């Protein structure tokens, strides 16, 4: 992830993965939107990173997304997840929006070392 084109490709990859697992159009959109938000965050705040989209078998099928970067990290994760938080640009869903769209959300961040966000959505 370095450019807006990379974000668009990640969006399409997530959408297709959801479709391939039999997700509803609504859930495909939720997953792809969450991936786009994470990708935009990587490009904007870290400059580069990776997003891995992978199915996890089971009943129901689950799609797991891991977004990671080696950027500046997040000093106060709790603040970023508060409903009244606004980023310096004030745009997008933010991490709290990603959290609401998905079934599972985990974030690990260390200042100066980067951030990893792991999200999951089960086929509904």
PDB file of N, CA and C in Angstrom:
ATOM      1  N   UNK A   1       0.837  -1.168   0.000  1.00  0.00           N
ATOM      2  CA  UNK A   1       0.000   0.000   0.000  1.00  0.00           C
ATOM      3  C   UNK A   1       0.890   1.241   0.000  1.00  0.00           C
ATOM      4  N   UNK A   2       0.840   1.959  -1.091  1.00  0.00           N
ATOM      5  CA  UNK A   2       1.580   3.213  -1.173  1.00  0.00           C
ATOM      6  C   UNK A   2       0.759   4.322  -1.825  1.00  0.00           C
ATOM      7  N   UNK A   3      -0.201   3.936  -2.654  1.00  0.00           N
ATOM      8  CA  UNK A   3      -0.936   4.919  -3.439  1.00  0.00           C
ATOM      9  C   UNK A   3      -2.440   4.674  -3.368  1.00  0.00           C
ATOM     10  N   UNK A   4      -3.195   5.643  -3.895  1.00  0.00           N
ATOM     11  CA  UNK A   4      -4.646   5.481  -3.984  1.00  0.00           C
ATOM     12  C   UNK A   4      -5.006   4.295  -4.879  1.00  0.00           C
ATOM     13  N   UNK A   5      -4.206   4.026  -5.893  1.00  0.00           N
ATOM     14  CA  UNK A   5      -4.453   2.854  -6.736  1.00  0.00           C
ATOM     15  C   UNK A   5      -4.329   1.562  -5.947  1.00  0.00           C
ATOM     16  N   UNK A   6      -3.369   1.506  -5.024  1.00  0.00           N
ATOM     17  CA  UNK A   6      -3.227   0.330  -4.160  1.00  0.00           C
ATOM     18  C   UNK A   6      -4.467   0.161  -3.279  1.00  0.00           C
ATOM     19  N   UNK A   7      -4.992   1.278  -2.780  1.00  0.00           N
ATOM     20  CA  UNK A   7      -6.201   1.242  -1.952  1.00  0.00           C
ATOM     21  C   UNK A   7      -7.371   0.721  -2.780  1.00  0.00           C
ATOM     22  N   UNK A   8      -7.513   1.203  -3.998  1.00  0.00           N
ATOM     23  CA  UNK A   8      -8.592   0.746  -4.876  1.00  0.00           C
ATOM     24  C   UNK A   8      -8.466  -0.749  -5.162  1.00  0.00           C
ATOM     25  N   UNK A   9      -7.252  -1.227  -5.367  1.00  0.00           N
ATOM     26  CA  UNK A   9      -7.043  -2.649  -5.611  1.00  0.00           C
ATOM     27  C   UNK A   9      -7.400  -3.475  -4.376  1.00  0.00           C
ATOM     28  N   UNK A  10      -7.036  -2.989  -3.197  1.00  0.00           N
ATOM     29  CA  UNK A  10      -7.387  -3.696  -1.955  1.00  0.00           C
ATOM     30  C   UNK A  10      -8.901  -3.747  -1.775  1.00  0.00           C
ATOM     31  N   UNK A  11      -9.587  -2.645  -2.105  1.00  0.00           N
ATOM     32  CA  UNK A  11     -11.053  -2.598  -2.042  1.00  0.00           C
ATOM     33  C   UNK A  11     -11.637  -3.703  -2.926  1.00  0.00           C
ATOM     34  N   UNK A  12     -11.175  -3.785  -4.172  1.00  0.00           N
ATOM     35  CA  UNK A  12     -11.685  -4.791  -5.102  1.00  0.00           C
ATOM     36  C   UNK A  12     -11.360  -6.210  -4.642  1.00  0.00           C
ATOM     37  N   UNK A  13     -10.179  -6.401  -4.095  1.00  0.00           N
ATOM     38  CA  UNK A  13      -9.791  -7.715  -3.588  1.00  0.00           C
ATOM     39  C   UNK A  13     -10.712  -8.145  -2.452  1.00  0.00           C
ATOM     40  N   UNK A  14     -10.986  -7.228  -1.524  1.00  0.00           N
ATOM     41  CA  UNK A  14     -11.865  -7.539  -0.389  1.00  0.00           C
ATOM     42  C   UNK A  14     -13.285  -7.819  -0.874  1.00  0.00           C
ATOM     43  N   UNK A  15     -13.769  -7.003  -1.809  1.00  0.00           N
ATOM     44  CA  UNK A  15     -15.119  -7.194  -2.366  1.00  0.00           C
ATOM     45  C   UNK A  15     -15.224  -8.590  -3.002  1.00  0.00           C
ATOM     46  N   UNK A  16     -14.241  -8.932  -3.809  1.00  0.00           N
ATOM     47  CA  UNK A  16     -14.249 -10.223  -4.505  1.00  0.00           C
ATOM     48  C   UNK A  16     -14.153 -11.389  -3.527  1.00  0.00           C
ATOM     49  N   UNK A  17     -13.325 -11.241  -2.509  1.00  0.00           N
ATOM     50  CA  UNK A  17     -13.185 -12.310  -1.515  1.00  0.00           C
ATOM     51  C   UNK A  17     -14.508 -12.535  -0.791  1.00  0.00           C
ATOM     52  N   UNK A  18     -15.194 -11.469  -0.441  1.00  0.00           N
ATOM     53  CA  UNK A  18     -16.510 -11.600   0.187  1.00  0.00           C
ATOM     54  C   UNK A  18     -17.508 -12.270  -0.737  1.00  0.00           C
ATOM     55  N   UNK A  19     -17.509 -11.859  -1.992  1.00  0.00           N
ATOM     56  CA  UNK A  19     -18.404 -12.473  -2.984  1.00  0.00           C
ATOM     57  C   UNK A  19     -18.111 -13.965  -3.106  1.00  0.00           C
ATOM     58  N   UNK A  20     -16.830 -14.318  -3.185  1.00  0.00           N
ATOM     59  CA  UNK A  20     -16.440 -15.713  -3.342  1.00  0.00           C
ATOM     60  C   UNK A  20     -16.854 -16.574  -2.149  1.00  0.00           C
ATOM     61  N   UNK A  21     -16.962 -15.958  -0.974  1.00  0.00           N
ATOM     62  CA  UNK A  21     -17.399 -16.697   0.223  1.00  0.00           C
ATOM     63  C   UNK A  21     -18.916 -16.700   0.384  1.00  0.00           C
ATOM     64  N   UNK A  22     -19.619 -16.028  -0.533  1.00  0.00           N
ATOM     65  CA  UNK A  22     -21.075 -16.014  -0.464  1.00  0.00           C
ATOM     66  C   UNK A  22     -21.641 -14.938   0.440  1.00  0.00           C
ATOM     67  N   UNK A  23     -20.857 -13.898   0.728  1.00  0.00           N
ATOM     68  CA  UNK A  23     -21.362 -12.791   1.539  1.00  0.00           C
ATOM     69  C   UNK A  23     -22.463 -12.066   0.773  1.00  0.00           C
ATOM     70  N   UNK A  24     -23.391 -11.481   1.505  1.00  0.00           N
ATOM     71  CA  UNK A  24     -24.409 -10.638   0.889  1.00  0.00           C
ATOM     72  C   UNK A  24     -23.745  -9.401   0.300  1.00  0.00           C
ATOM     73  N   UNK A  25     -24.447  -8.721  -0.603  1.00  0.00           N
ATOM     74  CA  UNK A  25     -23.910  -7.481  -1.179  1.00  0.00           C
ATOM     75  C   UNK A  25     -23.634  -6.457  -0.087  1.00  0.00           C
ATOM     76  N   UNK A  26     -24.476  -6.406   0.931  1.00  0.00           N
ATOM     77  CA  UNK A  26     -24.282  -5.458   2.040  1.00  0.00           C
ATOM     78  C   UNK A  26     -22.992  -5.781   2.782  1.00  0.00           C
ATOM     79  N   UNK A  27     -22.773  -7.054   3.097  1.00  0.00           N
ATOM     80  CA  UNK A  27     -21.554  -7.423   3.822  1.00  0.00           C
ATOM     81  C   UNK A  27     -20.306  -7.272   2.953  1.00  0.00           C
ATOM     82  N   UNK A  28     -20.430  -7.529   1.649  1.00  0.00           N
ATOM     83  CA  UNK A  28     -19.293  -7.275   0.747  1.00  0.00           C
ATOM     84  C   UNK A  28     -18.905  -5.800   0.806  1.00  0.00           C
ATOM     85  N   UNK A  29     -19.913  -4.942   0.812  1.00  0.00           N
ATOM     86  CA  UNK A  29     -19.674  -3.498   0.864  1.00  0.00           C
ATOM     87  C   UNK A  29     -19.044  -3.100   2.187  1.00  0.00           C
ATOM     88  N   UNK A  30     -19.514  -3.671   3.294  1.00  0.00           N
ATOM     89  CA  UNK A  30     -18.932  -3.364   4.607  1.00  0.00           C
ATOM     90  C   UNK A  30     -17.460  -3.739   4.655  1.00  0.00           C
ATOM     91  N   UNK A  31     -17.144  -4.936   4.185  1.00  0.00           N
ATOM     92  CA  UNK A  31     -15.760  -5.400   4.209  1.00  0.00           C
ATOM     93  C   UNK A  31     -14.880  -4.522   3.316  1.00  0.00           C
ATOM     94  N   UNK A  32     -15.334  -4.272   2.103  1.00  0.00           N
ATOM     95  CA  UNK A  32     -14.544  -3.475   1.164  1.00  0.00           C
ATOM     96  C   UNK A  32     -14.362  -2.048   1.663  1.00  0.00           C
ATOM     97  N   UNK A  33     -15.400  -1.485   2.278  1.00  0.00           N
ATOM     98  CA  UNK A  33     -15.312  -0.129   2.823  1.00  0.00           C
ATOM     99  C   UNK A  33     -14.310  -0.071   3.968  1.00  0.00           C
ATOM    100  N   UNK A  34     -14.353  -1.077   4.842  1.00  0.00           N
ATOM    101  CA  UNK A  34     -13.397  -1.133   5.953  1.00  0.00           C
ATOM    102  C   UNK A  34     -11.971  -1.242   5.430  1.00  0.00           C
ATOM    103  N   UNK A  35     -11.767  -2.058   4.410  1.00  0.00           N
ATOM    104  CA  UNK A  35     -10.436  -2.219   3.830  1.00  0.00           C
ATOM    105  C   UNK A  35      -9.959  -0.909   3.210  1.00  0.00           C
ATOM    106  N   UNK A  36     -10.840  -0.215   2.511  1.00  0.00           N
ATOM    107  CA  UNK A  36     -10.467   1.068   1.909  1.00  0.00           C
ATOM    108  C   UNK A  36     -10.079   2.079   2.983  1.00  0.00           C
ATOM    109  N   UNK A  37     -10.804   2.100   4.078  1.00  0.00           N
ATOM    110  CA  UNK A  37     -10.469   3.025   5.163  1.00  0.00           C
ATOM    111  C   UNK A  37      -9.097   2.698   5.751  1.00  0.00           C
ATOM    112  N   UNK A  38      -8.840   1.415   5.983  1.00  0.00           N
ATOM    113  CA  UNK A  38      -7.531   1.018   6.508  1.00  0.00           C
ATOM    114  C   UNK A  38      -6.427   1.350   5.518  1.00  0.00           C
ATOM    115  N   UNK A  39      -6.682   1.100   4.246  1.00  0.00           N
ATOM    116  CA  UNK A  39      -5.692   1.428   3.219  1.00  0.00           C
ATOM    117  C   UNK A  39      -5.409   2.918   3.144  1.00  0.00           C
ATOM    118  N   UNK A  40      -6.464   3.715   3.194  1.00  0.00           N
ATOM    119  CA  UNK A  40      -6.280   5.172   3.186  1.00  0.00           C
ATOM    120  C   UNK A  40      -5.479   5.627   4.395  1.00  0.00           C
ATOM    121  N   UNK A  41      -5.741   5.030   5.552  1.00  0.00           N
ATOM    122  CA  UNK A  41      -4.981   5.385   6.752  1.00  0.00           C
ATOM    123  C   UNK A  41      -3.497   5.055   6.575  1.00  0.00           C
ATOM    124  N   UNK A  42      -3.217   3.893   6.000  1.00  0.00           N
ATOM    125  CA  UNK A  42      -1.819   3.513   5.771  1.00  0.00           C
ATOM    126  C   UNK A  42      -1.137   4.531   4.871  1.00  0.00           C
ATOM    127  N   UNK A  43      -1.756   4.838   3.742  1.00  0.00           N
ATOM    128  CA  UNK A  43      -1.155   5.765   2.777  1.00  0.00           C
ATOM    129  C   UNK A  43      -0.983   7.149   3.396  1.00  0.00           C
ATOM    130  N   UNK A  44      -2.019   7.629   4.083  1.00  0.00           N
ATOM    131  CA  UNK A  44      -1.995   8.994   4.618  1.00  0.00           C
ATOM    132  C   UNK A  44      -1.065   9.150   5.818  1.00  0.00           C
ATOM    133  N   UNK A  45      -1.102   8.217   6.748  1.00  0.00           N
ATOM    134  CA  UNK A  45      -0.389   8.403   8.009  1.00  0.00           C
ATOM    135  C   UNK A  45       0.958   7.682   8.085  1.00  0.00           C
ATOM    136  N   UNK A  46       1.084   6.556   7.370  1.00  0.00           N
ATOM    137  CA  UNK A  46       2.327   5.782   7.460  1.00  0.00           C
ATOM    138  C   UNK A  46       3.158   5.848   6.179  1.00  0.00           C
ATOM    139  N   UNK A  47       2.517   6.144   5.074  1.00  0.00           N
ATOM    140  CA  UNK A  47       3.229   6.222   3.810  1.00  0.00           C
ATOM    141  C   UNK A  47       3.272   4.917   3.049  1.00  0.00           C
ATOM    142  N   UNK A  48       3.324   3.796   3.759  1.00  0.00           N
ATOM    143  CA  UNK A  48       3.356   2.483   3.121  1.00  0.00           C
ATOM    144  C   UNK A  48       2.999   1.414   4.144  1.00  0.00           C
ATOM    145  N   UNK A  49       2.518   0.306   3.646  1.00  0.00           N
ATOM    146  CA  UNK A  49       2.162  -0.809   4.511  1.00  0.00           C
ATOM    147  C   UNK A  49       1.577  -1.926   3.681  1.00  0.00           C
ATOM    148  N   UNK A  50       0.960  -2.875   4.348  1.00  0.00           N
ATOM    149  CA  UNK A  50       0.372  -4.018   3.660  1.00  0.00           C
ATOM    150  C   UNK A  50      -1.041  -4.284   4.163  1.00  0.00           C
ATOM    151  N   UNK A  51      -1.829  -4.866   3.287  1.00  0.00           N
ATOM    152  CA  UNK A  51      -3.148  -5.376   3.667  1.00  0.00           C
ATOM    153  C   UNK A  51      -3.245  -6.793   3.114  1.00  0.00           C
ATOM    154  N   UNK A  52      -3.546  -7.721   4.003  1.00  0.00           N
ATOM    155  CA  UNK A  52      -3.728  -9.119   3.628  1.00  0.00           C
ATOM    156  C   UNK A  52      -5.196  -9.458   3.835  1.00  0.00           C
ATOM    157  N   UNK A  53      -5.830 -10.003   2.801  1.00  0.00           N
ATOM    158  CA  UNK A  53      -7.224 -10.437   2.859  1.00  0.00           C
ATOM    159  C   UNK A  53      -7.212 -11.938   2.695  1.00  0.00           C
ATOM    160  N   UNK A  54      -7.765 -12.642   3.705  1.00  0.00           N
ATOM    161  CA  UNK A  54      -7.732 -14.100   3.599  1.00  0.00           C
ATOM    162  C   UNK A  54      -8.983 -14.724   4.198  1.00  0.00           C
ATOM    163  N   UNK A  55      -9.498 -15.733   3.522  1.00  0.00           N
ATOM    164  CA  UNK A  55     -10.640 -16.456   4.073  1.00  0.00           C
ATOM    165  C   UNK A  55     -10.183 -17.423   5.155  1.00  0.00           C
ATOM    166  N   UNK A  56     -11.037 -17.573   6.127  1.00  0.00           N
ATOM    167  CA  UNK A  56     -10.795 -18.552   7.187  1.00  0.00           C
ATOM    168  C   UNK A  56     -11.980 -19.506   7.144  1.00  0.00           C
ATOM    169  N   UNK A  57     -11.723 -20.748   6.850  1.00  0.00           N
ATOM    170  CA  UNK A  57     -12.793 -21.731   6.724  1.00  0.00           C
ATOM    171  C   UNK A  57     -13.499 -21.954   8.044  1.00  0.00           C
ATOM    172  N   UNK A  58     -14.624 -22.552   7.962  1.00  0.00           N
ATOM    173  CA  UNK A  58     -15.401 -22.851   9.146  1.00  0.00           C
ATOM    174  C   UNK A  58     -16.864 -22.655   8.850  1.00  0.00           C
ATOM    175  N   UNK A  59     -17.645 -22.691   9.862  1.00  0.00           N
ATOM    176  CA  UNK A  59     -19.073 -22.484   9.695  1.00  0.00           C
ATOM    177  C   UNK A  59     -19.515 -21.432  10.679  1.00  0.00           C
ATOM    178  N   UNK A  60     -19.790 -20.223  10.322  1.00  0.00           N
ATOM    179  CA  UNK A  60     -19.783 -19.760   8.930  1.00  0.00           C
ATOM    180  C   UNK A  60     -18.369 -19.396   8.481  1.00  0.00           C
ATOM    181  N   UNK A  61     -18.236 -19.207   7.194  1.00  0.00           N
ATOM    182  CA  UNK A  61     -16.964 -18.738   6.662  1.00  0.00           C
ATOM    183  C   UNK A  61     -16.675 -17.338   7.177  1.00  0.00           C
ATOM    184  N   UNK A  62     -15.404 -17.057   7.387  1.00  0.00           N
ATOM    185  CA  UNK A  62     -14.970 -15.768   7.917  1.00  0.00           C
ATOM    186  C   UNK A  62     -13.917 -15.194   6.978  1.00  0.00           C
ATOM    187  N   UNK A  63     -13.977 -13.897   6.794  1.00  0.00           N
ATOM    188  CA  UNK A  63     -12.952 -13.186   6.046  1.00  0.00           C
ATOM    189  C   UNK A  63     -12.140 -12.381   7.046  1.00  0.00           C
ATOM    190  N   UNK A  64     -10.827 -12.582   7.029  1.00  0.00           N
ATOM    191  CA  UNK A  64      -9.929 -11.861   7.930  1.00  0.00           C
ATOM    192  C   UNK A  64      -9.066 -10.916   7.114  1.00  0.00           C
ATOM    193  N   UNK A  65      -8.919  -9.703   7.628  1.00  0.00           N
ATOM    194  CA  UNK A  65      -8.084  -8.699   6.989  1.00  0.00           C
ATOM    195  C   UNK A  65      -7.064  -8.220   8.011  1.00  0.00           C
ATOM    196  N   UNK A  66      -5.793  -8.206   7.615  1.00  0.00           N
ATOM    197  CA  UNK A  66      -4.728  -7.707   8.481  1.00  0.00           C
ATOM    198  C   UNK A  66      -4.053  -6.546   7.755  1.00  0.00           C
ATOM    199  N   UNK A  67      -4.156  -5.366   8.343  1.00  0.00           N
ATOM    200  CA  UNK A  67      -3.539  -4.154   7.789  1.00  0.00           C
ATOM    201  C   UNK A  67      -2.402  -3.752   8.711  1.00  0.00           C
ATOM    202  N   UNK A  68      -1.202  -3.615   8.155  1.00  0.00           N
ATOM    203  CA  UNK A  68      -0.069  -3.275   9.010  1.00  0.00           C
ATOM    204  C   UNK A  68       0.852  -2.281   8.312  1.00  0.00           C
ATOM    205  N   UNK A  69       1.537  -1.517   9.145  1.00  0.00           N
ATOM    206  CA  UNK A  69       2.494  -0.539   8.632  1.00  0.00           C
ATOM    207  C   UNK A  69       3.610  -0.357   9.648  1.00  0.00           C
ATOM    208  N   UNK A  70       4.667   0.304   9.211  1.00  0.00           N
ATOM    209  CA  UNK A  70       5.797   0.631  10.077  1.00  0.00           C
ATOM    210  C   UNK A  70       5.854   2.131  10.308  1.00  0.00           C
ATOM    211  N   UNK A  71       4.692   2.754  10.331  1.00  0.00           N
ATOM    212  CA  UNK A  71       4.602   4.208  10.477  1.00  0.00           C
ATOM    213  C   UNK A  71       4.826   4.690  11.899  1.00  0.00           C
ATOM    214  N   UNK A  72       4.353   5.885  12.186  1.00  0.00           N
ATOM    215  CA  UNK A  72       4.611   6.510  13.479  1.00  0.00           C
ATOM    216  C   UNK A  72       3.854   5.882  14.644  1.00  0.00           C
ATOM    217  N   UNK A  73       2.852   5.056  14.364  1.00  0.00           N
ATOM    218  CA  UNK A  73       2.064   4.457  15.430  1.00  0.00           C
ATOM    219  C   UNK A  73       1.002   5.411  15.947  1.00  0.00           C
ATOM    220  N   UNK A  74       0.180   4.910  16.841  1.00  0.00           N
ATOM    221  CA  UNK A  74      -0.913   5.682  17.426  1.00  0.00           C
ATOM    222  C   UNK A  74      -0.635   5.819  18.913  1.00  0.00           C
ATOM    223  N   UNK A  75      -0.473   7.039  19.375  1.00  0.00           N
ATOM    224  CA  UNK A  75      -0.112   7.283  20.773  1.00  0.00           C
ATOM    225  C   UNK A  75      -1.239   6.923  21.734  1.00  0.00           C
ATOM    226  N   UNK A  76      -2.495   7.194  21.348  1.00  0.00           N
ATOM    227  CA  UNK A  76      -3.622   6.974  22.248  1.00  0.00           C
ATOM    228  C   UNK A  76      -4.752   6.292  21.484  1.00  0.00           C
ATOM    229  N   UNK A  77      -4.741   4.978  21.477  1.00  0.00           N
ATOM    230  CA  UNK A  77      -5.737   4.206  20.734  1.00  0.00           C
ATOM    231  C   UNK A  77      -7.138   4.475  21.268  1.00  0.00           C
ATOM    232  N   UNK A  78      -7.291   4.552  22.589  1.00  0.00           N
ATOM    233  CA  UNK A  78      -8.614   4.805  23.161  1.00  0.00           C
ATOM    234  C   UNK A  78      -9.199   6.111  22.649  1.00  0.00           C
ATOM    235  N   UNK A  79      -8.383   7.143  22.537  1.00  0.00           N
ATOM    236  CA  UNK A  79      -8.863   8.441  22.044  1.00  0.00           C
ATOM    237  C   UNK A  79      -9.326   8.322  20.591  1.00  0.00           C
ATOM    238  N   UNK A  80      -8.575   7.611  19.775  1.00  0.00           N
ATOM    239  CA  UNK A  80      -8.908   7.458  18.361  1.00  0.00           C
ATOM    240  C   UNK A  80     -10.234   6.719  18.178  1.00  0.00           C
ATOM    241  N   UNK A  81     -10.577   5.849  19.102  1.00  0.00           N
ATOM    242  CA  UNK A  81     -11.798   5.068  18.992  1.00  0.00           C
ATOM    243  C   UNK A  81     -13.011   5.738  19.653  1.00  0.00           C
ATOM    244  N   UNK A  82     -12.814   6.878  20.282  1.00  0.00           N
ATOM    245  CA  UNK A  82     -13.953   7.597  20.881  1.00  0.00           C
ATOM    246  C   UNK A  82     -14.834   8.196  19.789  1.00  0.00           C
ATOM    247  N   UNK A  83     -16.147   8.234  20.027  1.00  0.00           N
ATOM    248  CA  UNK A  83     -17.069   8.764  19.012  1.00  0.00           C
ATOM    249  C   UNK A  83     -16.801  10.216  18.612  1.00  0.00           C
ATOM    250  N   UNK A  84     -16.255  11.013  19.499  1.00  0.00           N
ATOM    251  CA  UNK A  84     -16.050  12.432  19.197  1.00  0.00           C
ATOM    252  C   UNK A  84     -14.682  12.731  18.587  1.00  0.00           C
ATOM    253  N   UNK A  85     -13.862  11.686  18.361  1.00  0.00           N
ATOM    254  CA  UNK A  85     -12.517  11.907  17.816  1.00  0.00           C
ATOM    255  C   UNK A  85     -12.586  12.369  16.369  1.00  0.00           C
ATOM    256  N   UNK A  86     -11.746  13.339  16.021  1.00  0.00           N
ATOM    257  CA  UNK A  86     -11.586  13.803  14.640  1.00  0.00           C
ATOM    258  C   UNK A  86     -10.104  13.776  14.302  1.00  0.00           C
ATOM    259  N   UNK A  87      -9.783  13.158  13.173  1.00  0.00           N
ATOM    260  CA  UNK A  87      -8.392  13.146  12.731  1.00  0.00           C
ATOM    261  C   UNK A  87      -8.016  14.535  12.243  1.00  0.00           C
ATOM    262  N   UNK A  88      -6.773  14.707  11.906  1.00  0.00           N
ATOM    263  CA  UNK A  88      -6.331  16.014  11.437  1.00  0.00           C
ATOM    264  C   UNK A  88      -7.002  16.409  10.132  1.00  0.00           C
ATOM    265  N   UNK A  89      -7.481  15.416   9.375  1.00  0.00           N
ATOM    266  CA  UNK A  89      -8.212  15.741   8.147  1.00  0.00           C
ATOM    267  C   UNK A  89      -9.717  15.745   8.376  1.00  0.00           C
ATOM    268  N   UNK A  90     -10.165  15.028   9.400  1.00  0.00           N
ATOM    269  CA  UNK A  90     -11.590  14.979   9.699  1.00  0.00           C
ATOM    270  C   UNK A  90     -12.408  14.278   8.638  1.00  0.00           C
ATOM    271  N   UNK A  91     -11.778  13.402   7.844  1.00  0.00           N
ATOM    272  CA  UNK A  91     -12.483  12.754   6.749  1.00  0.00           C
ATOM    273  C   UNK A  91     -12.524  11.244   6.987  1.00  0.00           C
ATOM    274  N   UNK A  92     -13.417  10.575   6.292  1.00  0.00           N
ATOM    275  CA  UNK A  92     -13.470   9.121   6.323  1.00  0.00           C
ATOM    276  C   UNK A  92     -14.179   8.573   7.544  1.00  0.00           C
ATOM    277  N   UNK A  93     -14.282   7.272   7.573  1.00  0.00           N
ATOM    278  CA  UNK A  93     -14.942   6.583   8.667  1.00  0.00           C
ATOM    279  C   UNK A  93     -14.107   6.558   9.925  1.00  0.00           C
ATOM    280  N   UNK A  94     -12.815   6.524   9.759  1.00  0.00           N
ATOM    281  CA  UNK A  94     -11.944   6.361  10.901  1.00  0.00           C
ATOM    282  C   UNK A  94     -11.966   4.939  11.409  1.00  0.00           C
ATOM    283  N   UNK A  95     -11.096   4.682  12.350  1.00  0.00           N
ATOM    284  CA  UNK A  95     -11.004   3.333  12.907  1.00  0.00           C
ATOM    285  C   UNK A  95     -12.272   2.930  13.636  1.00  0.00           C
ATOM    286  N   UNK A  96     -12.946   3.877  14.272  1.00  0.00           N
ATOM    287  CA  UNK A  96     -14.190   3.521  14.963  1.00  0.00           C
ATOM    288  C   UNK A  96     -15.262   3.084  13.979  1.00  0.00           C
ATOM    289  N   UNK A  97     -15.254   3.657  12.780  1.00  0.00           N
ATOM    290  CA  UNK A  97     -16.178   3.223  11.739  1.00  0.00           C
ATOM    291  C   UNK A  97     -15.860   1.823  11.259  1.00  0.00           C
ATOM    292  N   UNK A  98     -14.576   1.539  11.082  1.00  0.00           N
ATOM    293  CA  UNK A  98     -14.150   0.195  10.709  1.00  0.00           C
ATOM    294  C   UNK A  98     -14.605  -0.793  11.770  1.00  0.00           C
ATOM    295  N   UNK A  99     -14.436  -0.429  13.012  1.00  0.00           N
ATOM    296  CA  UNK A  99     -14.827  -1.295  14.126  1.00  0.00           C
ATOM    297  C   UNK A  99     -16.326  -1.601  14.073  1.00  0.00           C
ATOM    298  N   UNK A 100     -17.143  -0.596  13.774  1.00  0.00           N
ATOM    299  CA  UNK A 100     -18.595  -0.801  13.705  1.00  0.00           C
ATOM    300  C   UNK A 100     -19.010  -1.693  12.530  1.00  0.00           C
ATOM    301  N   UNK A 101     -18.280  -1.625  11.428  1.00  0.00           N
ATOM    302  CA  UNK A 101     -18.639  -2.397  10.237  1.00  0.00           C
ATOM    303  C   UNK A 101     -18.337  -3.886  10.361  1.00  0.00           C
ATOM    304  N   UNK A 102     -17.392  -4.229  11.223  1.00  0.00           N
ATOM    305  CA  UNK A 102     -16.895  -5.597  11.271  1.00  0.00           C
ATOM    306  C   UNK A 102     -17.385  -6.339  12.510  1.00  0.00           C
ATOM    307  N   UNK A 103     -17.235  -7.671  12.502  1.00  0.00           N
ATOM    308  CA  UNK A 103     -17.629  -8.491  13.642  1.00  0.00           C
ATOM    309  C   UNK A 103     -16.543  -8.540  14.707  1.00  0.00           C
ATOM    310  N   UNK A 104     -15.296  -8.452  14.289  1.00  0.00           N
ATOM    311  CA  UNK A 104     -14.171  -8.478  15.230  1.00  0.00           C
ATOM    312  C   UNK A 104     -13.171  -7.409  14.806  1.00  0.00           C
ATOM    313  N   UNK A 105     -12.564  -6.780  15.809  1.00  0.00           N
ATOM    314  CA  UNK A 105     -11.634  -5.680  15.562  1.00  0.00           C
ATOM    315  C   UNK A 105     -10.564  -5.724  16.632  1.00  0.00           C
ATOM    316  N   UNK A 106      -9.308  -5.735  16.188  1.00  0.00           N
ATOM    317  CA  UNK A 106      -8.194  -5.707  17.133  1.00  0.00           C
ATOM    318  C   UNK A 106      -7.143  -4.755  16.581  1.00  0.00           C
ATOM    319  N   UNK A 107      -6.588  -3.938  17.459  1.00  0.00           N
ATOM    320  CA  UNK A 107      -5.557  -2.996  17.026  1.00  0.00           C
ATOM    321  C   UNK A 107      -4.383  -3.055  17.999  1.00  0.00           C
ATOM    322  N   UNK A 108      -3.195  -3.067  17.434  1.00  0.00           N
ATOM    323  CA  UNK A 108      -1.959  -3.007  18.207  1.00  0.00           C
ATOM    324  C   UNK A 108      -1.091  -1.926  17.581  1.00  0.00           C
ATOM    325  N   UNK A 109      -0.580  -1.042  18.406  1.00  0.00           N
ATOM    326  CA  UNK A 109       0.229   0.048  17.874  1.00  0.00           C
ATOM    327  C   UNK A 109       1.297   0.424  18.881  1.00  0.00           C
ATOM    328  N   UNK A 110       2.439   0.796  18.343  1.00  0.00           N
ATOM    329  CA  UNK A 110       3.540   1.246  19.183  1.00  0.00           C
ATOM    330  C   UNK A 110       4.157   2.472  18.528  1.00  0.00           C
ATOM    331  N   UNK A 111       4.261   3.544  19.288  1.00  0.00           N
ATOM    332  CA  UNK A 111       4.818   4.777  18.743  1.00  0.00           C
ATOM    333  C   UNK A 111       6.208   4.523  18.166  1.00  0.00           C
ATOM    334  N   UNK A 112       6.396   4.989  16.945  1.00  0.00           N
ATOM    335  CA  UNK A 112       7.663   4.827  16.258  1.00  0.00           C
ATOM    336  C   UNK A 112       7.875   3.475  15.619  1.00  0.00           C
ATOM    337  N   UNK A 113       6.933   2.548  15.804  1.00  0.00           N
ATOM    338  CA  UNK A 113       7.121   1.191  15.273  1.00  0.00           C
ATOM    339  C   UNK A 113       5.994   0.732  14.362  1.00  0.00           C
ATOM    340  N   UNK A 114       4.854   1.411  14.404  1.00  0.00           N
ATOM    341  CA  UNK A 114       3.786   1.051  13.487  1.00  0.00           C
ATOM    342  C   UNK A 114       2.526   0.549  14.150  1.00  0.00           C
ATOM    343  N   UNK A 115       1.591   0.166  13.294  1.00  0.00           N
ATOM    344  CA  UNK A 115       0.258  -0.247  13.717  1.00  0.00           C
ATOM    345  C   UNK A 115      -0.176  -1.470  12.924  1.00  0.00           C
ATOM    346  N   UNK A 116      -0.867  -2.377  13.599  1.00  0.00           N
ATOM    347  CA  UNK A 116      -1.487  -3.507  12.949  1.00  0.00           C
ATOM    348  C   UNK A 116      -2.940  -3.573  13.382  1.00  0.00           C
ATOM    349  N   UNK A 117      -3.834  -3.611  12.404  1.00  0.00           N
ATOM    350  CA  UNK A 117      -5.266  -3.745  12.655  1.00  0.00           C
ATOM    351  C   UNK A 117      -5.713  -5.063  12.039  1.00  0.00           C
ATOM    352  N   UNK A 118      -6.368  -5.889  12.856  1.00  0.00           N
ATOM    353  CA  UNK A 118      -6.915  -7.153  12.374  1.00  0.00           C
ATOM    354  C   UNK A 118      -8.429  -7.095  12.526  1.00  0.00           C
ATOM    355  N   UNK A 119      -9.125  -7.332  11.422  1.00  0.00           N
ATOM    356  CA  UNK A 119     -10.586  -7.298  11.437  1.00  0.00           C
ATOM    357  C   UNK A 119     -11.119  -8.596  10.823  1.00  0.00           C
ATOM    358  N   UNK A 120     -12.328  -8.946  11.243  1.00  0.00           N
ATOM    359  CA  UNK A 120     -12.968 -10.156  10.719  1.00  0.00           C
ATOM    360  C   UNK A 120     -14.449  -9.903  10.498  1.00  0.00           C
ATOM    361  N   UNK A 121     -14.959 -10.557   9.459  1.00  0.00           N
ATOM    362  CA  UNK A 121     -16.390 -10.531   9.168  1.00  0.00           C
ATOM    363  C   UNK A 121     -16.816 -11.938   8.823  1.00  0.00           C
ATOM    364  N   UNK A 122     -17.888 -12.419   9.482  1.00  0.00           N
ATOM    365  CA  UNK A 122     -18.420 -13.741   9.207  1.00  0.00           C
ATOM    366  C   UNK A 122     -19.559 -13.629   8.189  1.00  0.00           C
ATOM    367  N   UNK A 123     -19.676 -14.651   7.372  1.00  0.00           N
ATOM    368  CA  UNK A 123     -20.783 -14.686   6.419  1.00  0.00           C
ATOM    369  C   UNK A 123     -22.076 -14.792   7.223  1.00  0.00           C
ATOM    370  N   UNK A 124     -22.986 -13.867   6.966  1.00  0.00           N
ATOM    371  CA  UNK A 124     -24.224 -13.803   7.752  1.00  0.00           C
ATOM    372  C   UNK A 124     -25.369 -14.537   7.206  1.00  0.00           C
TER     373      UNK A 124
END
